[in-house]
Amino acid sequence: MSDSTNTNRPSSLIDRWFLAHPATVNETYFQHMRFAFGFAFWLITAGLAAVIHAVFPALCETTASRILRKLTDRIDARH
């Protein structure tokens, strides 16, 4: 009995930690990773644009808000 429990447990952990959430948006683990990394890249870019705008108000006036709108549209299109 402990053999079957040990065999099932790792796949259950793998499923819970790596596969369950990507499956909710019909993606594999690697498809979801790619989407999340791309999303993170644009969030960081928007953050940097906001920092630049904070120091130099004439620069990047709409960059952060434009990026965030596009990211919101991407998220809305997935669900």
Protein backbone atom coordinates (compact mmCIF):
# COMPACT_ATOMS: atom_id res chain seq x y z
CA MET A 1 0.00 0.00 0.00
CA SER A 2 2.79 2.45 0.75
CA ASP A 3 4.31 1.71 -2.69
CA SER A 4 1.18 2.87 -4.50
CA THR A 5 0.90 5.88 -2.18
CA ASN A 6 4.49 6.90 -2.95
CA THR A 7 3.94 6.39 -6.66
CA ASN A 8 0.80 8.55 -6.69
CA ARG A 9 2.10 11.25 -4.42
CA PRO A 10 4.85 12.69 -6.69
CA SER A 11 2.52 12.90 -9.68
CA SER A 12 -0.04 14.58 -7.44
CA LEU A 13 2.53 17.15 -6.32
CA ILE A 14 3.71 17.65 -9.89
CA ASP A 15 0.14 18.10 -11.00
CA ARG A 16 -0.66 20.54 -8.22
CA TRP A 17 2.51 22.62 -8.53
CA PHE A 18 3.12 22.59 -12.28
CA LEU A 19 0.19 21.31 -14.34
CA ALA A 20 -3.14 22.14 -12.71
CA HIS A 21 -3.13 25.91 -13.21
CA PRO A 22 -1.85 25.90 -16.82
CA ALA A 23 -4.59 23.40 -17.62
CA THR A 24 -7.23 25.91 -16.46
CA VAL A 25 -6.26 28.13 -19.41
CA ASN A 26 -5.81 25.19 -21.80
CA GLU A 27 -2.01 25.43 -21.88
CA THR A 28 0.86 23.08 -21.26
CA TYR A 29 3.41 23.91 -18.58
CA PHE A 30 5.83 25.33 -21.15
CA GLN A 31 3.18 27.34 -23.00
CA HIS A 32 2.14 28.85 -19.69
CA MET A 33 5.76 29.54 -18.75
CA ARG A 34 6.30 31.37 -22.03
CA PHE A 35 3.18 33.47 -21.52
CA ALA A 36 4.13 34.30 -17.92
CA PHE A 37 7.71 35.25 -18.82
CA GLY A 38 6.44 37.46 -21.64
CA PHE A 39 3.94 39.06 -19.31
CA ALA A 40 6.67 39.64 -16.69
CA PHE A 41 8.93 41.22 -19.32
CA TRP A 42 6.25 43.76 -20.27
CA LEU A 43 5.40 44.47 -16.62
CA ILE A 44 9.07 45.21 -15.91
CA THR A 45 9.25 47.37 -19.05
CA ALA A 46 6.17 49.31 -17.93
CA GLY A 47 7.68 49.74 -14.48
CA LEU A 48 10.93 51.08 -15.92
CA ALA A 49 8.99 53.47 -18.15
CA ALA A 50 7.10 54.71 -15.08
CA VAL A 51 10.40 55.27 -13.22
CA ILE A 52 11.81 57.20 -16.19
CA HIS A 53 8.61 59.25 -16.34
CA ALA A 54 8.82 59.99 -12.61
CA VAL A 55 12.30 61.47 -13.05
CA PHE A 56 11.76 63.05 -16.47
CA PRO A 57 8.03 63.85 -16.82
CA ALA A 58 8.34 64.71 -20.51
CA LEU A 59 9.53 61.17 -21.32
CA CYS A 60 7.44 58.00 -21.52
CA GLU A 61 4.24 59.92 -20.87
CA THR A 62 1.90 57.12 -21.94
CA THR A 63 4.23 54.12 -22.23
CA ALA A 64 3.34 52.39 -18.96
CA SER A 65 -0.41 52.87 -19.32
CA ARG A 66 -0.33 51.71 -22.96
CA ILE A 67 1.56 48.54 -22.02
CA LEU A 68 -0.81 47.84 -19.13
CA ARG A 69 -3.84 48.24 -21.42
CA LYS A 70 -2.36 45.74 -23.88
CA LEU A 71 -1.60 43.28 -21.07
CA THR A 72 -5.14 43.63 -19.73
CA ASP A 73 -6.52 42.90 -23.20
CA ARG A 74 -4.30 39.78 -23.44
CA ILE A 75 -5.55 38.51 -20.08
CA ASP A 76 -9.18 39.21 -20.94
CA ALA A 77 -8.83 37.35 -24.24
CA ARG A 78 -7.62 34.22 -22.43
CA HIS A 79 -10.61 33.81 -20.12
